[in-house]
Amino acid sequence: MADKEKEKNSAINAGLVGAAVGAAVGATAVYLADEKNREKVKATADDIKGKVKDNWENVKDNTTDVKDKVADELDEGTDKVEEGWEKGKDKIEENKDSMEDRIDETIDKMDDVDALEDQKF
């Protein structure tokens, strides 16, 4: 019994939806039958089309601007990293030479100490 009731309701709903769609199509046809109304619809559609094109151009321009800014920032960041890397390498070289000098001095002092010990005994 419940299934038959659902089928009946479905058929009624389908009929109502069909009638509503038909009425909307009919009303649109009647509205567009008038030349002035067709011109208004065309003008509105053209206006919307123009606004969409303008907005699309703005989106493209903004996207390009953001892309360019990101690329510039990335280049700047890369330059800073490379500059820091070079400074670090230079500092390592400076410290390496200094450390080598200190090591040589320490070895010389140890040799002197060894020589002194050899003289005592």
N, C-alpha and C. Protein backbone atom coordinates (compact mmCIF):
# COMPACT_ATOMS: atom_id res chain seq x y z
N MET A 1 0.81 -1.17 0.00
CA MET A 1 0.00 0.00 0.00
C MET A 1 0.87 1.26 0.00
N ALA A 2 1.93 1.24 0.80
CA ALA A 2 2.81 2.40 0.89
C ALA A 2 3.51 2.65 -0.43
N ASP A 3 3.85 1.54 -1.14
CA ASP A 3 4.52 1.69 -2.43
C ASP A 3 3.61 2.36 -3.46
N LYS A 4 2.33 1.98 -3.46
CA LYS A 4 1.39 2.58 -4.41
C LYS A 4 1.21 4.06 -4.10
N GLU A 5 1.22 4.40 -2.84
CA GLU A 5 1.07 5.81 -2.43
C GLU A 5 2.29 6.61 -2.90
N LYS A 6 3.50 6.02 -2.77
CA LYS A 6 4.72 6.69 -3.22
C LYS A 6 4.70 6.89 -4.73
N GLU A 7 4.25 5.86 -5.46
CA GLU A 7 4.17 5.96 -6.92
C GLU A 7 3.18 7.05 -7.31
N LYS A 8 2.05 7.11 -6.62
CA LYS A 8 1.03 8.13 -6.90
C LYS A 8 1.60 9.53 -6.65
N ASN A 9 2.30 9.69 -5.51
CA ASN A 9 2.91 10.98 -5.18
C ASN A 9 3.99 11.35 -6.19
N SER A 10 4.79 10.37 -6.61
CA SER A 10 5.84 10.62 -7.60
C SER A 10 5.24 11.08 -8.91
N ALA A 11 4.17 10.44 -9.33
CA ALA A 11 3.52 10.83 -10.58
C ALA A 11 2.95 12.23 -10.47
N ILE A 12 2.34 12.55 -9.35
CA ILE A 12 1.78 13.89 -9.13
C ILE A 12 2.91 14.92 -9.12
N ASN A 13 4.00 14.61 -8.41
CA ASN A 13 5.14 15.54 -8.36
C ASN A 13 5.73 15.76 -9.74
N ALA A 14 5.87 14.67 -10.52
CA ALA A 14 6.41 14.79 -11.87
C ALA A 14 5.49 15.66 -12.73
N GLY A 15 4.22 15.48 -12.59
CA GLY A 15 3.26 16.29 -13.33
C GLY A 15 3.35 17.75 -12.95
N LEU A 16 3.49 18.03 -11.65
CA LEU A 16 3.59 19.41 -11.19
C LEU A 16 4.88 20.07 -11.68
N VAL A 17 5.99 19.34 -11.63
CA VAL A 17 7.26 19.87 -12.12
C VAL A 17 7.17 20.14 -13.61
N GLY A 18 6.59 19.20 -14.36
CA GLY A 18 6.42 19.38 -15.80
C GLY A 18 5.58 20.60 -16.10
N ALA A 19 4.50 20.78 -15.34
CA ALA A 19 3.62 21.93 -15.55
C ALA A 19 4.37 23.23 -15.24
N ALA A 20 5.17 23.23 -14.17
CA ALA A 20 5.91 24.43 -13.80
C ALA A 20 6.95 24.78 -14.87
N VAL A 21 7.66 23.78 -15.37
CA VAL A 21 8.65 24.01 -16.42
C VAL A 21 7.95 24.51 -17.68
N GLY A 22 6.86 23.87 -18.01
CA GLY A 22 6.10 24.30 -19.20
C GLY A 22 5.61 25.72 -19.06
N ALA A 23 5.14 26.08 -17.88
CA ALA A 23 4.66 27.44 -17.64
C ALA A 23 5.81 28.44 -17.76
N ALA A 24 6.99 28.07 -17.24
CA ALA A 24 8.14 28.97 -17.31
C ALA A 24 8.57 29.16 -18.76
N VAL A 25 8.60 28.07 -19.53
CA VAL A 25 8.97 28.15 -20.94
C VAL A 25 7.95 28.99 -21.69
N GLY A 26 6.68 28.75 -21.39
CA GLY A 26 5.61 29.52 -22.04
C GLY A 26 5.70 31.00 -21.71
N ALA A 27 5.95 31.31 -20.45
CA ALA A 27 6.04 32.71 -20.03
C ALA A 27 7.24 33.38 -20.69
N THR A 28 8.34 32.65 -20.80
CA THR A 28 9.53 33.18 -21.45
C THR A 28 9.25 33.43 -22.93
N ALA A 29 8.57 32.49 -23.57
CA ALA A 29 8.25 32.64 -24.98
C ALA A 29 7.36 33.86 -25.20
N VAL A 30 6.37 34.03 -24.33
CA VAL A 30 5.48 35.19 -24.45
C VAL A 30 6.27 36.48 -24.23
N TYR A 31 7.14 36.49 -23.22
CA TYR A 31 7.95 37.68 -22.91
C TYR A 31 8.85 38.03 -24.09
N LEU A 32 9.49 36.99 -24.68
CA LEU A 32 10.43 37.23 -25.77
C LEU A 32 9.75 37.45 -27.11
N ALA A 33 8.44 37.24 -27.17
CA ALA A 33 7.70 37.49 -28.41
C ALA A 33 7.69 38.99 -28.72
N ASP A 34 7.79 39.80 -27.69
CA ASP A 34 7.80 41.25 -27.88
C ASP A 34 9.22 41.69 -28.26
N GLU A 35 9.36 42.44 -29.34
CA GLU A 35 10.65 42.92 -29.85
C GLU A 35 11.43 43.71 -28.79
N LYS A 36 10.75 44.58 -28.05
CA LYS A 36 11.40 45.40 -27.03
C LYS A 36 12.01 44.52 -25.94
N ASN A 37 11.28 43.50 -25.54
CA ASN A 37 11.79 42.60 -24.49
C ASN A 37 13.00 41.82 -24.98
N ARG A 38 12.97 41.40 -26.25
CA ARG A 38 14.14 40.68 -26.80
C ARG A 38 15.36 41.60 -26.80
N GLU A 39 15.18 42.86 -27.16
CA GLU A 39 16.27 43.82 -27.16
C GLU A 39 16.82 44.04 -25.74
N LYS A 40 15.91 44.12 -24.75
CA LYS A 40 16.34 44.29 -23.35
C LYS A 40 17.17 43.09 -22.91
N VAL A 41 16.68 41.89 -23.24
CA VAL A 41 17.40 40.67 -22.86
C VAL A 41 18.77 40.65 -23.54
N LYS A 42 18.81 40.99 -24.84
CA LYS A 42 20.07 41.00 -25.57
C LYS A 42 21.03 42.04 -24.97
N ALA A 43 20.50 43.23 -24.67
CA ALA A 43 21.34 44.28 -24.08
C ALA A 43 21.88 43.85 -22.73
N THR A 44 21.03 43.23 -21.93
CA THR A 44 21.47 42.75 -20.61
C THR A 44 22.54 41.66 -20.76
N ALA A 45 22.30 40.75 -21.71
CA ALA A 45 23.28 39.68 -21.95
C ALA A 45 24.61 40.26 -22.43
N ASP A 46 24.56 41.24 -23.31
CA ASP A 46 25.79 41.88 -23.79
C ASP A 46 26.51 42.60 -22.65
N ASP A 47 25.74 43.27 -21.79
CA ASP A 47 26.32 43.96 -20.64
C ASP A 47 27.03 42.97 -19.71
N ILE A 48 26.35 41.88 -19.45
CA ILE A 48 26.94 40.85 -18.57
C ILE A 48 28.19 40.27 -19.22
N LYS A 49 28.12 40.02 -20.52
CA LYS A 49 29.28 39.50 -21.24
C LYS A 49 30.47 40.45 -21.13
N GLY A 50 30.22 41.75 -21.29
CA GLY A 50 31.29 42.74 -21.17
C GLY A 50 31.89 42.78 -19.78
N LYS A 51 31.02 42.71 -18.77
CA LYS A 51 31.52 42.72 -17.39
C LYS A 51 32.34 41.48 -17.09
N VAL A 52 31.89 40.34 -17.59
CA VAL A 52 32.64 39.09 -17.38
C VAL A 52 34.01 39.20 -18.05
N LYS A 53 34.05 39.74 -19.28
CA LYS A 53 35.34 39.91 -19.96
C LYS A 53 36.26 40.83 -19.18
N ASP A 54 35.71 41.96 -18.70
CA ASP A 54 36.52 42.90 -17.92
C ASP A 54 37.05 42.24 -16.65
N ASN A 55 36.18 41.53 -15.96
CA ASN A 55 36.61 40.85 -14.73
C ASN A 55 37.67 39.80 -15.03
N TRP A 56 37.48 39.10 -16.14
CA TRP A 56 38.46 38.07 -16.51
C TRP A 56 39.82 38.72 -16.77
N GLU A 57 39.83 39.86 -17.47
CA GLU A 57 41.08 40.57 -17.72
C GLU A 57 41.72 41.01 -16.41
N ASN A 58 40.91 41.50 -15.48
CA ASN A 58 41.44 41.92 -14.17
C ASN A 58 42.06 40.73 -13.44
N VAL A 59 41.38 39.59 -13.50
CA VAL A 59 41.92 38.39 -12.84
C VAL A 59 43.24 37.99 -13.49
N LYS A 60 43.29 38.02 -14.81
CA LYS A 60 44.54 37.66 -15.50
C LYS A 60 45.66 38.63 -15.14
N ASP A 61 45.34 39.94 -15.13
CA ASP A 61 46.35 40.94 -14.80
C ASP A 61 46.85 40.75 -13.37
N ASN A 62 45.92 40.56 -12.44
CA ASN A 62 46.31 40.37 -11.03
C ASN A 62 47.13 39.11 -10.86
N THR A 63 46.76 38.06 -11.56
CA THR A 63 47.51 36.82 -11.48
C THR A 63 48.93 37.02 -12.00
N THR A 64 49.04 37.74 -13.11
CA THR A 64 50.37 38.02 -13.67
C THR A 64 51.19 38.86 -12.71
N ASP A 65 50.55 39.87 -12.10
CA ASP A 65 51.26 40.72 -11.13
C ASP A 65 51.78 39.89 -9.96
N VAL A 66 50.93 39.02 -9.42
CA VAL A 66 51.34 38.18 -8.29
C VAL A 66 52.46 37.25 -8.71
N LYS A 67 52.34 36.65 -9.90
CA LYS A 67 53.38 35.75 -10.39
C LYS A 67 54.71 36.49 -10.52
N ASP A 68 54.66 37.71 -11.06
CA ASP A 68 55.88 38.49 -11.22
C ASP A 68 56.49 38.86 -9.87
N LYS A 69 55.65 39.24 -8.91
CA LYS A 69 56.15 39.58 -7.57
C LYS A 69 56.80 38.37 -6.91
N VAL A 70 56.17 37.21 -7.04
CA VAL A 70 56.74 35.99 -6.45
C VAL A 70 58.07 35.67 -7.12
N ALA A 71 58.13 35.80 -8.43
CA ALA A 71 59.39 35.53 -9.15
C ALA A 71 60.49 36.50 -8.70
N ASP A 72 60.13 37.78 -8.55
CA ASP A 72 61.12 38.76 -8.08
C ASP A 72 61.62 38.43 -6.68
N GLU A 73 60.69 38.10 -5.79
CA GLU A 73 61.07 37.76 -4.41
C GLU A 73 61.93 36.51 -4.38
N LEU A 74 61.59 35.55 -5.22
CA LEU A 74 62.38 34.32 -5.28
C LEU A 74 63.79 34.61 -5.78
N ASP A 75 63.89 35.45 -6.82
CA ASP A 75 65.21 35.83 -7.33
C ASP A 75 66.03 36.54 -6.26
N GLU A 76 65.37 37.47 -5.56
CA GLU A 76 66.05 38.22 -4.51
C GLU A 76 66.52 37.28 -3.40
N GLY A 77 65.64 36.36 -3.01
CA GLY A 77 66.01 35.40 -1.97
C GLY A 77 67.15 34.51 -2.41
N THR A 78 67.11 34.09 -3.67
CA THR A 78 68.19 33.25 -4.20
C THR A 78 69.51 34.02 -4.20
N ASP A 79 69.45 35.28 -4.60
CA ASP A 79 70.67 36.11 -4.59
C ASP A 79 71.24 36.23 -3.18
N LYS A 80 70.36 36.43 -2.20
CA LYS A 80 70.83 36.56 -0.81
C LYS A 80 71.45 35.27 -0.32
N VAL A 81 70.84 34.15 -0.67
CA VAL A 81 71.40 32.85 -0.25
C VAL A 81 72.77 32.65 -0.88
N GLU A 82 72.87 32.96 -2.18
CA GLU A 82 74.17 32.80 -2.85
C GLU A 82 75.23 33.72 -2.24
N GLU A 83 74.82 34.95 -1.94
CA GLU A 83 75.75 35.90 -1.32
C GLU A 83 76.20 35.38 0.05
N GLY A 84 75.25 34.89 0.83
CA GLY A 84 75.59 34.33 2.14
C GLY A 84 76.50 33.11 2.02
N TRP A 85 76.24 32.30 1.03
CA TRP A 85 77.07 31.11 0.80
C TRP A 85 78.51 31.52 0.49
N GLU A 86 78.65 32.50 -0.39
CA GLU A 86 79.99 32.96 -0.75
C GLU A 86 80.71 33.56 0.45
N LYS A 87 80.00 34.37 1.25
CA LYS A 87 80.61 34.94 2.46
C LYS A 87 81.04 33.83 3.41
N GLY A 88 80.19 32.82 3.54
CA GLY A 88 80.52 31.69 4.42
C GLY A 88 81.76 30.96 3.93
N LYS A 89 81.83 30.73 2.62
CA LYS A 89 83.01 30.06 2.07
C LYS A 89 84.27 30.90 2.30
N ASP A 90 84.15 32.21 2.10
CA ASP A 90 85.30 33.09 2.34
C ASP A 90 85.74 33.04 3.80
N LYS A 91 84.77 33.05 4.70
CA LYS A 91 85.07 33.01 6.13
C LYS A 91 85.76 31.69 6.48
N ILE A 92 85.28 30.61 5.90
CA ILE A 92 85.90 29.30 6.16
C ILE A 92 87.35 29.32 5.68
N GLU A 93 87.58 29.89 4.49
CA GLU A 93 88.95 29.97 3.97
C GLU A 93 89.83 30.81 4.89
N GLU A 94 89.29 31.95 5.36
CA GLU A 94 90.05 32.80 6.28
C GLU A 94 90.39 32.03 7.55
N ASN A 95 89.40 31.37 8.10
CA ASN A 95 89.61 30.61 9.34
C ASN A 95 90.52 29.42 9.11
N LYS A 96 90.43 28.82 7.93
CA LYS A 96 91.27 27.68 7.61
C LYS A 96 92.74 28.11 7.62
N ASP A 97 93.03 29.24 6.96
CA ASP A 97 94.41 29.73 6.93
C ASP A 97 94.89 30.06 8.34
N SER A 98 94.03 30.71 9.10
CA SER A 98 94.38 31.07 10.47
C SER A 98 94.61 29.82 11.31
N MET A 99 93.74 28.83 11.15
CA MET A 99 93.89 27.58 11.91
C MET A 99 95.16 26.85 11.52
N GLU A 100 95.45 26.84 10.22
CA GLU A 100 96.68 26.19 9.78
C GLU A 100 97.90 26.88 10.39
N ASP A 101 97.86 28.22 10.45
CA ASP A 101 98.96 28.96 11.07
C ASP A 101 99.08 28.60 12.55
N ARG A 102 97.95 28.54 13.23
CA ARG A 102 97.98 28.18 14.66
C ARG A 102 98.50 26.76 14.87
N ILE A 103 98.07 25.86 14.00
CA ILE A 103 98.53 24.47 14.11
C ILE A 103 100.05 24.43 13.89
N ASP A 104 100.53 25.15 12.88
CA ASP A 104 101.97 25.19 12.61
C ASP A 104 102.73 25.75 13.82
N GLU A 105 102.17 26.85 14.43
CA GLU A 105 102.80 27.43 15.61
C GLU A 105 102.84 26.42 16.76
N THR A 106 101.75 25.71 16.94
CA THR A 106 101.67 24.73 18.02
C THR A 106 102.68 23.60 17.79
N ILE A 107 102.77 23.15 16.56
CA ILE A 107 103.74 22.08 16.23
C ILE A 107 105.17 22.58 16.48
N ASP A 108 105.44 23.82 16.09
CA ASP A 108 106.78 24.39 16.31
C ASP A 108 107.08 24.44 17.81
N LYS A 109 106.09 24.86 18.60
CA LYS A 109 106.29 24.93 20.05
C LYS A 109 106.52 23.54 20.63
N MET A 110 105.78 22.55 20.12
CA MET A 110 105.97 21.18 20.60
C MET A 110 107.36 20.66 20.23
N ASP A 111 107.79 21.03 19.02
CA ASP A 111 109.15 20.64 18.61
C ASP A 111 110.18 21.29 19.53
N ASP A 112 109.93 22.55 19.90
CA ASP A 112 110.85 23.25 20.80
C ASP A 112 110.88 22.56 22.16
N VAL A 113 109.69 22.16 22.64
CA VAL A 113 109.61 21.47 23.92
C VAL A 113 110.34 20.15 23.83
N ASP A 114 110.17 19.42 22.76
CA ASP A 114 110.86 18.14 22.58
C ASP A 114 112.40 18.36 22.53
N ALA A 115 112.80 19.41 21.87
CA ALA A 115 114.23 19.71 21.78
C ALA A 115 114.80 20.03 23.15
N LEU A 116 114.04 20.79 23.95
CA LEU A 116 114.48 21.13 25.31
C LEU A 116 114.57 19.87 26.15
N GLU A 117 113.63 19.00 26.04
CA GLU A 117 113.64 17.75 26.82
C GLU A 117 114.85 16.91 26.43
N ASP A 118 115.14 16.88 25.15
CA ASP A 118 116.28 16.09 24.68
C ASP A 118 117.59 16.66 25.23
N GLN A 119 117.66 17.96 25.41
CA GLN A 119 118.88 18.59 25.92
C GLN A 119 119.06 18.32 27.41
N LYS A 120 118.00 18.19 28.16
CA LYS A 120 118.11 17.98 29.59
C LYS A 120 118.63 16.58 29.92
N PHE A 121 118.28 15.67 29.12
CA PHE A 121 118.63 14.30 29.50
C PHE A 121 119.75 13.83 28.70
